[in-house]
Amino acid sequence: MKIDKDQAVEALRAVPDTFKTFFRHGTLSVEVYKPDKIDLQEPHDRDEVYVIISGSSEFQNGKQKVKCKSGDFLFVPAYQDHRFFNFTDDFATWVIFYGPEGGESESSS
C-alpha cells in the first residue's frame, strides 16, 4: 500500500472538510489534515501520531508548545488537548490514529 503525499493533499482539496481518511486497517486509520485558518480539533479517544507533510506550525500538546516543520513526528496520547497554531498556508499533516479507545498503556521498554 502506498499513498502519495502530494496526491493526498490534492484529494483533500476536493472535499469540503479539513481532513480526509485514506486508509483503515483494524484500529489503524490514516488521514491527511489541513486546518483552515484555525485548528478547531478536540481531543480524540485514541492515541495519535502526526507526521508533518508540508509547511510549518507551532503545536500545543497539553502544556507543552513546540515548533514543527515538514518531516517532524508528533505523538499525542488519547484525550490530550492539542492543536496547531501559527501554521503556514501550505501546512498539511498525516494523522495516524491507532489502538483502543483510551489509548495504549506505556511500555517499560
PDB file of N, CA and C in Angstrom:
ATOM      1  N   MET A   1       0.846  -1.180   0.000  1.00  0.00           N
ATOM      2  CA  MET A   1       0.000   0.000   0.000  1.00  0.00           C
ATOM      3  C   MET A   1       0.885   1.235   0.000  1.00  0.00           C
ATOM      4  N   LYS A   2       0.637   2.154  -0.898  1.00  0.00           N
ATOM      5  CA  LYS A   2       1.369   3.412  -0.942  1.00  0.00           C
ATOM      6  C   LYS A   2       0.369   4.546  -1.123  1.00  0.00           C
ATOM      7  N   ILE A   3       0.560   5.605  -0.359  1.00  0.00           N
ATOM      8  CA  ILE A   3      -0.243   6.819  -0.518  1.00  0.00           C
ATOM      9  C   ILE A   3       0.734   7.951  -0.783  1.00  0.00           C
ATOM     10  N   ASP A   4       0.623   8.579  -1.925  1.00  0.00           N
ATOM     11  CA  ASP A   4       1.487   9.697  -2.284  1.00  0.00           C
ATOM     12  C   ASP A   4       1.020  10.951  -1.555  1.00  0.00           C
ATOM     13  N   LYS A   5       1.921  11.630  -0.853  1.00  0.00           N
ATOM     14  CA  LYS A   5       1.532  12.794  -0.049  1.00  0.00           C
ATOM     15  C   LYS A   5       0.964  13.922  -0.893  1.00  0.00           C
ATOM     16  N   ASP A   6       1.537  14.174  -2.053  1.00  0.00           N
ATOM     17  CA  ASP A   6       1.042  15.259  -2.905  1.00  0.00           C
ATOM     18  C   ASP A   6      -0.349  14.940  -3.444  1.00  0.00           C
ATOM     19  N   GLN A   7      -0.565  13.695  -3.858  1.00  0.00           N
ATOM     20  CA  GLN A   7      -1.890  13.289  -4.334  1.00  0.00           C
ATOM     21  C   GLN A   7      -2.913  13.328  -3.200  1.00  0.00           C
ATOM     22  N   ALA A   8      -2.492  12.971  -1.983  1.00  0.00           N
ATOM     23  CA  ALA A   8      -3.405  13.005  -0.838  1.00  0.00           C
ATOM     24  C   ALA A   8      -3.838  14.436  -0.528  1.00  0.00           C
ATOM     25  N   VAL A   9      -2.888  15.370  -0.514  1.00  0.00           N
ATOM     26  CA  VAL A   9      -3.229  16.777  -0.251  1.00  0.00           C
ATOM     27  C   VAL A   9      -4.145  17.304  -1.356  1.00  0.00           C
ATOM     28  N   GLU A  10      -3.883  16.930  -2.591  1.00  0.00           N
ATOM     29  CA  GLU A  10      -4.727  17.354  -3.709  1.00  0.00           C
ATOM     30  C   GLU A  10      -6.140  16.775  -3.571  1.00  0.00           C
ATOM     31  N   ALA A  11      -6.259  15.506  -3.179  1.00  0.00           N
ATOM     32  CA  ALA A  11      -7.573  14.880  -2.979  1.00  0.00           C
ATOM     33  C   ALA A  11      -8.335  15.558  -1.851  1.00  0.00           C
ATOM     34  N   LEU A  12      -7.635  16.017  -0.841  1.00  0.00           N
ATOM     35  CA  LEU A  12      -8.280  16.723   0.270  1.00  0.00           C
ATOM     36  C   LEU A  12      -8.938  18.011  -0.210  1.00  0.00           C
ATOM     37  N   ARG A  13      -8.319  18.671  -1.169  1.00  0.00           N
ATOM     38  CA  ARG A  13      -8.892  19.918  -1.706  1.00  0.00           C
ATOM     39  C   ARG A  13     -10.261  19.703  -2.346  1.00  0.00           C
ATOM     40  N   ALA A  14     -10.537  18.481  -2.766  1.00  0.00           N
ATOM     41  CA  ALA A  14     -11.793  18.169  -3.454  1.00  0.00           C
ATOM     42  C   ALA A  14     -12.955  17.911  -2.503  1.00  0.00           C
ATOM     43  N   VAL A  15     -12.693  17.856  -1.196  1.00  0.00           N
ATOM     44  CA  VAL A  15     -13.761  17.616  -0.227  1.00  0.00           C
ATOM     45  C   VAL A  15     -13.969  18.867   0.622  1.00  0.00           C
ATOM     46  N   PRO A  16     -15.158  19.031   1.203  1.00  0.00           N
ATOM     47  CA  PRO A  16     -15.430  20.249   1.979  1.00  0.00           C
ATOM     48  C   PRO A  16     -14.837  20.252   3.387  1.00  0.00           C
ATOM     49  N   ASP A  17     -14.212  19.161   3.805  1.00  0.00           N
ATOM     50  CA  ASP A  17     -13.668  19.053   5.160  1.00  0.00           C
ATOM     51  C   ASP A  17     -12.204  19.450   5.201  1.00  0.00           C
ATOM     52  N   THR A  18     -11.661  19.555   6.408  1.00  0.00           N
ATOM     53  CA  THR A  18     -10.242  19.852   6.598  1.00  0.00           C
ATOM     54  C   THR A  18      -9.425  18.573   6.725  1.00  0.00           C
ATOM     55  N   PHE A  19     -10.079  17.413   6.665  1.00  0.00           N
ATOM     56  CA  PHE A  19      -9.379  16.134   6.738  1.00  0.00           C
ATOM     57  C   PHE A  19     -10.048  15.126   5.818  1.00  0.00           C
ATOM     58  N   LYS A  20      -9.280  14.120   5.426  1.00  0.00           N
ATOM     59  CA  LYS A  20      -9.805  13.033   4.601  1.00  0.00           C
ATOM     60  C   LYS A  20      -9.088  11.757   5.007  1.00  0.00           C
ATOM     61  N   THR A  21      -9.851  10.689   5.215  1.00  0.00           N
ATOM     62  CA  THR A  21      -9.285   9.389   5.557  1.00  0.00           C
ATOM     63  C   THR A  21      -8.864   8.676   4.273  1.00  0.00           C
ATOM     64  N   PHE A  22      -7.646   8.144   4.271  1.00  0.00           N
ATOM     65  CA  PHE A  22      -7.108   7.455   3.104  1.00  0.00           C
ATOM     66  C   PHE A  22      -6.897   5.971   3.316  1.00  0.00           C
ATOM     67  N   PHE A  23      -6.849   5.520   4.569  1.00  0.00           N
ATOM     68  CA  PHE A  23      -6.566   4.115   4.814  1.00  0.00           C
ATOM     69  C   PHE A  23      -7.103   3.710   6.173  1.00  0.00           C
ATOM     70  N   ARG A  24      -7.663   2.494   6.241  1.00  0.00           N
ATOM     71  CA  ARG A  24      -8.095   1.886   7.501  1.00  0.00           C
ATOM     72  C   ARG A  24      -7.698   0.413   7.486  1.00  0.00           C
ATOM     73  N   HIS A  25      -7.232  -0.054   8.633  1.00  0.00           N
ATOM     74  CA  HIS A  25      -6.919  -1.471   8.795  1.00  0.00           C
ATOM     75  C   HIS A  25      -6.946  -1.753  10.291  1.00  0.00           C
ATOM     76  N   GLY A  26      -7.897  -2.561  10.740  1.00  0.00           N
ATOM     77  CA  GLY A  26      -8.039  -2.819  12.181  1.00  0.00           C
ATOM     78  C   GLY A  26      -8.250  -1.504  12.910  1.00  0.00           C
ATOM     79  N   THR A  27      -7.430  -1.233  13.908  1.00  0.00           N
ATOM     80  CA  THR A  27      -7.565   0.023  14.662  1.00  0.00           C
ATOM     81  C   THR A  27      -6.821   1.184  14.010  1.00  0.00           C
ATOM     82  N   LEU A  28      -6.058   0.899  12.949  1.00  0.00           N
ATOM     83  CA  LEU A  28      -5.254   1.930  12.293  1.00  0.00           C
ATOM     84  C   LEU A  28      -6.096   2.742  11.316  1.00  0.00           C
ATOM     85  N   SER A  29      -5.977   4.046  11.410  1.00  0.00           N
ATOM     86  CA  SER A  29      -6.652   4.961  10.487  1.00  0.00           C
ATOM     87  C   SER A  29      -5.650   6.039  10.097  1.00  0.00           C
ATOM     88  N   VAL A  30      -5.519   6.295   8.786  1.00  0.00           N
ATOM     89  CA  VAL A  30      -4.576   7.296   8.283  1.00  0.00           C
ATOM     90  C   VAL A  30      -5.350   8.365   7.531  1.00  0.00           C
ATOM     91  N   GLU A  31      -5.132   9.614   7.947  1.00  0.00           N
ATOM     92  CA  GLU A  31      -5.813  10.756   7.332  1.00  0.00           C
ATOM     93  C   GLU A  31      -4.782  11.795   6.924  1.00  0.00           C
ATOM     94  N   VAL A  32      -5.231  12.727   6.099  1.00  0.00           N
ATOM     95  CA  VAL A  32      -4.486  13.959   5.863  1.00  0.00           C
ATOM     96  C   VAL A  32      -5.325  15.079   6.450  1.00  0.00           C
ATOM     97  N   TYR A  33      -4.682  15.982   7.155  1.00  0.00           N
ATOM     98  CA  TYR A  33      -5.361  17.108   7.813  1.00  0.00           C
ATOM     99  C   TYR A  33      -4.693  18.405   7.400  1.00  0.00           C
ATOM    100  N   LYS A  34      -5.510  19.367   6.997  1.00  0.00           N
ATOM    101  CA  LYS A  34      -5.031  20.689   6.622  1.00  0.00           C
ATOM    102  C   LYS A  34      -5.995  21.705   7.230  1.00  0.00           C
ATOM    103  N   PRO A  35      -5.667  22.225   8.422  1.00  0.00           N
ATOM    104  CA  PRO A  35      -6.579  23.181   9.058  1.00  0.00           C
ATOM    105  C   PRO A  35      -6.720  24.456   8.228  1.00  0.00           C
ATOM    106  N   ASP A  36      -7.862  25.099   8.352  1.00  0.00           N
ATOM    107  CA  ASP A  36      -8.156  26.323   7.612  1.00  0.00           C
ATOM    108  C   ASP A  36      -8.209  27.492   8.592  1.00  0.00           C
ATOM    109  N   LYS A  37      -7.167  28.271   8.650  1.00  0.00           N
ATOM    110  CA  LYS A  37      -7.033  29.464   9.493  1.00  0.00           C
ATOM    111  C   LYS A  37      -6.922  29.154  10.982  1.00  0.00           C
ATOM    112  N   ILE A  38      -7.811  28.318  11.525  1.00  0.00           N
ATOM    113  CA  ILE A  38      -7.805  27.968  12.948  1.00  0.00           C
ATOM    114  C   ILE A  38      -7.985  26.458  13.074  1.00  0.00           C
ATOM    115  N   ASP A  39      -7.201  25.848  13.936  1.00  0.00           N
ATOM    116  CA  ASP A  39      -7.321  24.417  14.208  1.00  0.00           C
ATOM    117  C   ASP A  39      -8.382  24.238  15.293  1.00  0.00           C
ATOM    118  N   LEU A  40      -9.522  23.697  14.896  1.00  0.00           N
ATOM    119  CA  LEU A  40     -10.659  23.569  15.818  1.00  0.00           C
ATOM    120  C   LEU A  40     -10.813  22.165  16.396  1.00  0.00           C
ATOM    121  N   GLN A  41      -9.823  21.315  16.203  1.00  0.00           N
ATOM    122  CA  GLN A  41      -9.992  19.937  16.659  1.00  0.00           C
ATOM    123  C   GLN A  41     -10.083  19.826  18.184  1.00  0.00           C
ATOM    124  N   GLU A  42     -10.760  18.795  18.612  1.00  0.00           N
ATOM    125  CA  GLU A  42     -10.949  18.468  20.023  1.00  0.00           C
ATOM    126  C   GLU A  42     -10.100  17.236  20.350  1.00  0.00           C
ATOM    127  N   PRO A  43      -9.852  16.958  21.630  1.00  0.00           N
ATOM    128  CA  PRO A  43      -9.118  15.739  21.982  1.00  0.00           C
ATOM    129  C   PRO A  43      -9.810  14.496  21.419  1.00  0.00           C
ATOM    130  N   HIS A  44      -9.005  13.491  21.087  1.00  0.00           N
ATOM    131  CA  HIS A  44      -9.502  12.257  20.491  1.00  0.00           C
ATOM    132  C   HIS A  44      -9.440  11.120  21.503  1.00  0.00           C
ATOM    133  N   ASP A  45     -10.210  10.079  21.253  1.00  0.00           N
ATOM    134  CA  ASP A  45     -10.286   8.982  22.214  1.00  0.00           C
ATOM    135  C   ASP A  45      -9.260   7.873  21.970  1.00  0.00           C
ATOM    136  N   ARG A  46      -8.380   8.057  20.980  1.00  0.00           N
ATOM    137  CA  ARG A  46      -7.315   7.088  20.707  1.00  0.00           C
ATOM    138  C   ARG A  46      -5.972   7.808  20.608  1.00  0.00           C
ATOM    139  N   ASP A  47      -4.893   7.072  20.757  1.00  0.00           N
ATOM    140  CA  ASP A  47      -3.563   7.638  20.564  1.00  0.00           C
ATOM    141  C   ASP A  47      -3.437   8.098  19.120  1.00  0.00           C
ATOM    142  N   GLU A  48      -2.567   9.082  18.922  1.00  0.00           N
ATOM    143  CA  GLU A  48      -2.489   9.738  17.622  1.00  0.00           C
ATOM    144  C   GLU A  48      -1.050  10.151  17.327  1.00  0.00           C
ATOM    145  N   VAL A  49      -0.665  10.005  16.078  1.00  0.00           N
ATOM    146  CA  VAL A  49       0.642  10.439  15.598  1.00  0.00           C
ATOM    147  C   VAL A  49       0.415  11.397  14.441  1.00  0.00           C
ATOM    148  N   TYR A  50       1.203  12.472  14.420  1.00  0.00           N
ATOM    149  CA  TYR A  50       1.229  13.388  13.279  1.00  0.00           C
ATOM    150  C   TYR A  50       2.614  13.298  12.648  1.00  0.00           C
ATOM    151  N   VAL A  51       2.663  13.279  11.332  1.00  0.00           N
ATOM    152  CA  VAL A  51       3.910  13.438  10.587  1.00  0.00           C
ATOM    153  C   VAL A  51       3.651  14.587   9.619  1.00  0.00           C
ATOM    154  N   ILE A  52       4.377  15.676   9.803  1.00  0.00           N
ATOM    155  CA  ILE A  52       4.117  16.880   9.025  1.00  0.00           C
ATOM    156  C   ILE A  52       4.521  16.652   7.568  1.00  0.00           C
ATOM    157  N   ILE A  53       3.565  16.903   6.661  1.00  0.00           N
ATOM    158  CA  ILE A  53       3.783  16.731   5.231  1.00  0.00           C
ATOM    159  C   ILE A  53       4.482  17.954   4.644  1.00  0.00           C
ATOM    160  N   SER A  54       3.945  19.135   4.956  1.00  0.00           N
ATOM    161  CA  SER A  54       4.475  20.363   4.357  1.00  0.00           C
ATOM    162  C   SER A  54       4.212  21.539   5.280  1.00  0.00           C
ATOM    163  N   GLY A  55       4.987  22.600   5.055  1.00  0.00           N
ATOM    164  CA  GLY A  55       4.808  23.813   5.829  1.00  0.00           C
ATOM    165  C   GLY A  55       5.398  23.697   7.224  1.00  0.00           C
ATOM    166  N   SER A  56       4.995  24.641   8.061  1.00  0.00           N
ATOM    167  CA  SER A  56       5.457  24.659   9.449  1.00  0.00           C
ATOM    168  C   SER A  56       4.350  25.199  10.333  1.00  0.00           C
ATOM    169  N   SER A  57       4.528  25.009  11.629  1.00  0.00           N
ATOM    170  CA  SER A  57       3.498  25.388  12.585  1.00  0.00           C
ATOM    171  C   SER A  57       4.097  25.417  13.977  1.00  0.00           C
ATOM    172  N   GLU A  58       3.320  25.906  14.898  1.00  0.00           N
ATOM    173  CA  GLU A  58       3.573  25.670  16.306  1.00  0.00           C
ATOM    174  C   GLU A  58       2.507  24.679  16.741  1.00  0.00           C
ATOM    175  N   PHE A  59       2.817  23.884  17.764  1.00  0.00           N
ATOM    176  CA  PHE A  59       1.923  22.828  18.189  1.00  0.00           C
ATOM    177  C   PHE A  59       1.844  22.815  19.699  1.00  0.00           C
ATOM    178  N   GLN A  60       0.627  22.840  20.205  1.00  0.00           N
ATOM    179  CA  GLN A  60       0.415  22.727  21.637  1.00  0.00           C
ATOM    180  C   GLN A  60      -0.079  21.324  21.925  1.00  0.00           C
ATOM    181  N   ASN A  61       0.639  20.638  22.813  1.00  0.00           N
ATOM    182  CA  ASN A  61       0.327  19.272  23.203  1.00  0.00           C
ATOM    183  C   ASN A  61       0.238  19.270  24.720  1.00  0.00           C
ATOM    184  N   GLY A  62      -0.983  19.433  25.244  1.00  0.00           N
ATOM    185  CA  GLY A  62      -1.139  19.631  26.676  1.00  0.00           C
ATOM    186  C   GLY A  62      -0.541  20.979  27.037  1.00  0.00           C
ATOM    187  N   LYS A  63       0.375  21.011  27.977  1.00  0.00           N
ATOM    188  CA  LYS A  63       1.010  22.272  28.390  1.00  0.00           C
ATOM    189  C   LYS A  63       2.271  22.576  27.584  1.00  0.00           C
ATOM    190  N   GLN A  64       2.736  21.612  26.781  1.00  0.00           N
ATOM    191  CA  GLN A  64       3.958  21.791  26.010  1.00  0.00           C
ATOM    192  C   GLN A  64       3.661  22.449  24.661  1.00  0.00           C
ATOM    193  N   LYS A  65       4.498  23.417  24.274  1.00  0.00           N
ATOM    194  CA  LYS A  65       4.408  24.050  22.951  1.00  0.00           C
ATOM    195  C   LYS A  65       5.731  23.839  22.241  1.00  0.00           C
ATOM    196  N   VAL A  66       5.663  23.416  20.970  1.00  0.00           N
ATOM    197  CA  VAL A  66       6.860  23.197  20.162  1.00  0.00           C
ATOM    198  C   VAL A  66       6.637  23.741  18.761  1.00  0.00           C
ATOM    199  N   LYS A  67       7.727  24.033  18.069  1.00  0.00           N
ATOM    200  CA  LYS A  67       7.666  24.377  16.651  1.00  0.00           C
ATOM    201  C   LYS A  67       7.836  23.087  15.870  1.00  0.00           C
ATOM    202  N   CYS A  68       7.154  22.979  14.738  1.00  0.00           N
ATOM    203  CA  CYS A  68       7.281  21.787  13.911  1.00  0.00           C
ATOM    204  C   CYS A  68       7.307  22.177  12.440  1.00  0.00           C
ATOM    205  N   LYS A  69       7.904  21.294  11.635  1.00  0.00           N
ATOM    206  CA  LYS A  69       8.056  21.549  10.204  1.00  0.00           C
ATOM    207  C   LYS A  69       7.953  20.228   9.452  1.00  0.00           C
ATOM    208  N   SER A  70       7.976  20.318   8.144  1.00  0.00           N
ATOM    209  CA  SER A  70       7.888  19.144   7.279  1.00  0.00           C
ATOM    210  C   SER A  70       8.849  18.050   7.729  1.00  0.00           C
ATOM    211  N   GLY A  71       8.309  16.834   7.864  1.00  0.00           N
ATOM    212  CA  GLY A  71       9.102  15.686   8.275  1.00  0.00           C
ATOM    213  C   GLY A  71       9.068  15.393   9.757  1.00  0.00           C
ATOM    214  N   ASP A  72       8.622  16.345  10.588  1.00  0.00           N
ATOM    215  CA  ASP A  72       8.604  16.130  12.037  1.00  0.00           C
ATOM    216  C   ASP A  72       7.503  15.149  12.444  1.00  0.00           C
ATOM    217  N   PHE A  73       7.760  14.445  13.535  1.00  0.00           N
ATOM    218  CA  PHE A  73       6.867  13.451  14.125  1.00  0.00           C
ATOM    219  C   PHE A  73       6.368  13.988  15.458  1.00  0.00           C
ATOM    220  N   LEU A  74       5.065  13.905  15.691  1.00  0.00           N
ATOM    221  CA  LEU A  74       4.463  14.351  16.950  1.00  0.00           C
ATOM    222  C   LEU A  74       3.558  13.238  17.476  1.00  0.00           C
ATOM    223  N   PHE A  75       3.625  12.969  18.763  1.00  0.00           N
ATOM    224  CA  PHE A  75       2.748  11.972  19.389  1.00  0.00           C
ATOM    225  C   PHE A  75       1.814  12.666  20.364  1.00  0.00           C
ATOM    226  N   VAL A  76       0.538  12.260  20.343  1.00  0.00           N
ATOM    227  CA  VAL A  76      -0.466  12.791  21.264  1.00  0.00           C
ATOM    228  C   VAL A  76      -1.214  11.606  21.885  1.00  0.00           C
ATOM    229  N   PRO A  77      -1.157  11.457  23.213  1.00  0.00           N
ATOM    230  CA  PRO A  77      -1.914  10.371  23.839  1.00  0.00           C
ATOM    231  C   PRO A  77      -3.421  10.659  23.793  1.00  0.00           C
ATOM    232  N   ALA A  78      -4.183   9.609  23.888  1.00  0.00           N
ATOM    233  CA  ALA A  78      -5.647   9.727  23.888  1.00  0.00           C
ATOM    234  C   ALA A  78      -6.096  10.759  24.925  1.00  0.00           C
ATOM    235  N   TYR A  79      -7.095  11.537  24.578  1.00  0.00           N
ATOM    236  CA  TYR A  79      -7.756  12.552  25.416  1.00  0.00           C
ATOM    237  C   TYR A  79      -6.906  13.780  25.732  1.00  0.00           C
ATOM    238  N   GLN A  80      -5.697  13.873  25.164  1.00  0.00           N
ATOM    239  CA  GLN A  80      -4.827  15.036  25.406  1.00  0.00           C
ATOM    240  C   GLN A  80      -5.327  16.229  24.566  1.00  0.00           C
ATOM    241  N   ASP A  81      -5.472  17.389  25.191  1.00  0.00           N
ATOM    242  CA  ASP A  81      -5.815  18.606  24.467  1.00  0.00           C
ATOM    243  C   ASP A  81      -4.612  18.996  23.601  1.00  0.00           C
ATOM    244  N   HIS A  82      -4.846  19.295  22.323  1.00  0.00           N
ATOM    245  CA  HIS A  82      -3.756  19.624  21.405  1.00  0.00           C
ATOM    246  C   HIS A  82      -4.290  20.414  20.222  1.00  0.00           C
ATOM    247  N   ARG A  83      -3.391  21.203  19.607  1.00  0.00           N
ATOM    248  CA  ARG A  83      -3.781  21.930  18.393  1.00  0.00           C
ATOM    249  C   ARG A  83      -2.577  22.571  17.741  1.00  0.00           C
ATOM    250  N   PHE A  84      -2.722  22.822  16.432  1.00  0.00           N
ATOM    251  CA  PHE A  84      -1.723  23.553  15.666  1.00  0.00           C
ATOM    252  C   PHE A  84      -2.116  25.021  15.659  1.00  0.00           C
ATOM    253  N   PHE A  85      -1.126  25.911  15.672  1.00  0.00           N
ATOM    254  CA  PHE A  85      -1.402  27.344  15.561  1.00  0.00           C
ATOM    255  C   PHE A  85      -0.223  28.011  14.865  1.00  0.00           C
ATOM    256  N   ASN A  86      -0.463  29.209  14.378  1.00  0.00           N
ATOM    257  CA  ASN A  86       0.550  29.942  13.606  1.00  0.00           C
ATOM    258  C   ASN A  86       1.111  29.091  12.470  1.00  0.00           C
ATOM    259  N   PHE A  87       0.245  28.345  11.784  1.00  0.00           N
ATOM    260  CA  PHE A  87       0.708  27.483  10.700  1.00  0.00           C
ATOM    261  C   PHE A  87       0.737  28.248   9.383  1.00  0.00           C
ATOM    262  N   THR A  88       1.655  27.831   8.509  1.00  0.00           N
ATOM    263  CA  THR A  88       1.793  28.447   7.198  1.00  0.00           C
ATOM    264  C   THR A  88       0.644  28.001   6.294  1.00  0.00           C
ATOM    265  N   ASP A  89       0.414  28.746   5.219  1.00  0.00           N
ATOM    266  CA  ASP A  89      -0.680  28.419   4.297  1.00  0.00           C
ATOM    267  C   ASP A  89      -0.531  27.038   3.672  1.00  0.00           C
ATOM    268  N   ASP A  90       0.694  26.574   3.509  1.00  0.00           N
ATOM    269  CA  ASP A  90       0.917  25.270   2.887  1.00  0.00           C
ATOM    270  C   ASP A  90       0.986  24.125   3.905  1.00  0.00           C
ATOM    271  N   PHE A  91       0.645  24.399   5.159  1.00  0.00           N
ATOM    272  CA  PHE A  91       0.721  23.375   6.202  1.00  0.00           C
ATOM    273  C   PHE A  91      -0.261  22.237   5.939  1.00  0.00           C
ATOM    274  N   ALA A  92       0.238  21.004   6.031  1.00  0.00           N
ATOM    275  CA  ALA A  92      -0.592  19.791   5.953  1.00  0.00           C
ATOM    276  C   ALA A  92       0.134  18.700   6.734  1.00  0.00           C
ATOM    277  N   THR A  93      -0.625  17.769   7.286  1.00  0.00           N
ATOM    278  CA  THR A  93      -0.015  16.703   8.087  1.00  0.00           C
ATOM    279  C   THR A  93      -0.756  15.379   7.915  1.00  0.00           C
ATOM    280  N   TRP A  94       0.014  14.296   7.986  1.00  0.00           N
ATOM    281  CA  TRP A  94      -0.584  12.979   8.139  1.00  0.00           C
ATOM    282  C   TRP A  94      -1.103  12.878   9.564  1.00  0.00           C
ATOM    283  N   VAL A  95      -2.221  12.230   9.749  1.00  0.00           N
ATOM    284  CA  VAL A  95      -2.767  11.940  11.082  1.00  0.00           C
ATOM    285  C   VAL A  95      -2.960  10.433  11.145  1.00  0.00           C
ATOM    286  N   ILE A  96      -2.353   9.813  12.133  1.00  0.00           N
ATOM    287  CA  ILE A  96      -2.406   8.364  12.260  1.00  0.00           C
ATOM    288  C   ILE A  96      -3.013   8.031  13.627  1.00  0.00           C
ATOM    289  N   PHE A  97      -4.212   7.484  13.614  1.00  0.00           N
ATOM    290  CA  PHE A  97      -4.877   7.024  14.833  1.00  0.00           C
ATOM    291  C   PHE A  97      -4.667   5.515  14.940  1.00  0.00           C
ATOM    292  N   TYR A  98      -4.484   5.025  16.170  1.00  0.00           N
ATOM    293  CA  TYR A  98      -4.308   3.592  16.345  1.00  0.00           C
ATOM    294  C   TYR A  98      -4.661   3.203  17.773  1.00  0.00           C
ATOM    295  N   GLY A  99      -4.838   1.915  17.948  1.00  0.00           N
ATOM    296  CA  GLY A  99      -5.046   1.355  19.274  1.00  0.00           C
ATOM    297  C   GLY A  99      -6.466   1.491  19.783  1.00  0.00           C
ATOM    298  N   PRO A 100      -6.674   1.042  21.026  1.00  0.00           N
ATOM    299  CA  PRO A 100      -8.011   1.034  21.612  1.00  0.00           C
ATOM    300  C   PRO A 100      -8.440   2.425  22.085  1.00  0.00           C
ATOM    301  N   GLU A 101      -9.750   2.599  22.283  1.00  0.00           N
ATOM    302  CA  GLU A 101     -10.230   3.823  22.923  1.00  0.00           C
ATOM    303  C   GLU A 101      -9.555   3.945  24.277  1.00  0.00           C
ATOM    304  N   GLY A 102      -9.143   5.142  24.626  1.00  0.00           N
ATOM    305  CA  GLY A 102      -8.431   5.369  25.873  1.00  0.00           C
ATOM    306  C   GLY A 102      -6.925   5.275  25.714  1.00  0.00           C
ATOM    307  N   GLY A 103      -6.457   4.819  24.556  1.00  0.00           N
ATOM    308  CA  GLY A 103      -5.028   4.746  24.299  1.00  0.00           C
ATOM    309  C   GLY A 103      -4.384   3.493  24.848  1.00  0.00           C
ATOM    310  N   GLU A 104      -3.162   3.271  24.445  1.00  0.00           N
ATOM    311  CA  GLU A 104      -2.405   2.126  24.914  1.00  0.00           C
ATOM    312  C   GLU A 104      -1.655   2.520  26.184  1.00  0.00           C
ATOM    313  N   SER A 105      -1.360   1.528  27.026  1.00  0.00           N
ATOM    314  CA  SER A 105      -0.563   1.804  28.220  1.00  0.00           C
ATOM    315  C   SER A 105       0.889   1.979  27.817  1.00  0.00           C
ATOM    316  N   GLU A 106       1.633   2.753  28.600  1.00  0.00           N
ATOM    317  CA  GLU A 106       3.045   2.981  28.305  1.00  0.00           C
ATOM    318  C   GLU A 106       3.829   1.702  28.473  1.00  0.00           C
ATOM    319  N   SER A 107       4.782   1.491  27.580  1.00  0.00           N
ATOM    320  CA  SER A 107       5.647   0.324  27.648  1.00  0.00           C
ATOM    321  C   SER A 107       6.874   0.661  28.487  1.00  0.00           C
ATOM    322  N   SER A 108       7.372  -0.296  29.199  1.00  0.00           N
ATOM    323  CA  SER A 108       8.552  -0.056  30.028  1.00  0.00           C
ATOM    324  C   SER A 108       9.846  -0.199  29.223  1.00  0.00           C
ATOM    325  N   SER A 109       9.753  -0.659  27.982  1.00  0.00           N
ATOM    326  CA  SER A 109      10.972  -0.848  27.186  1.00  0.00           C
ATOM    327  C   SER A 109      11.264   0.309  26.281  1.00  0.00           C
TER     328      SER A 109
END
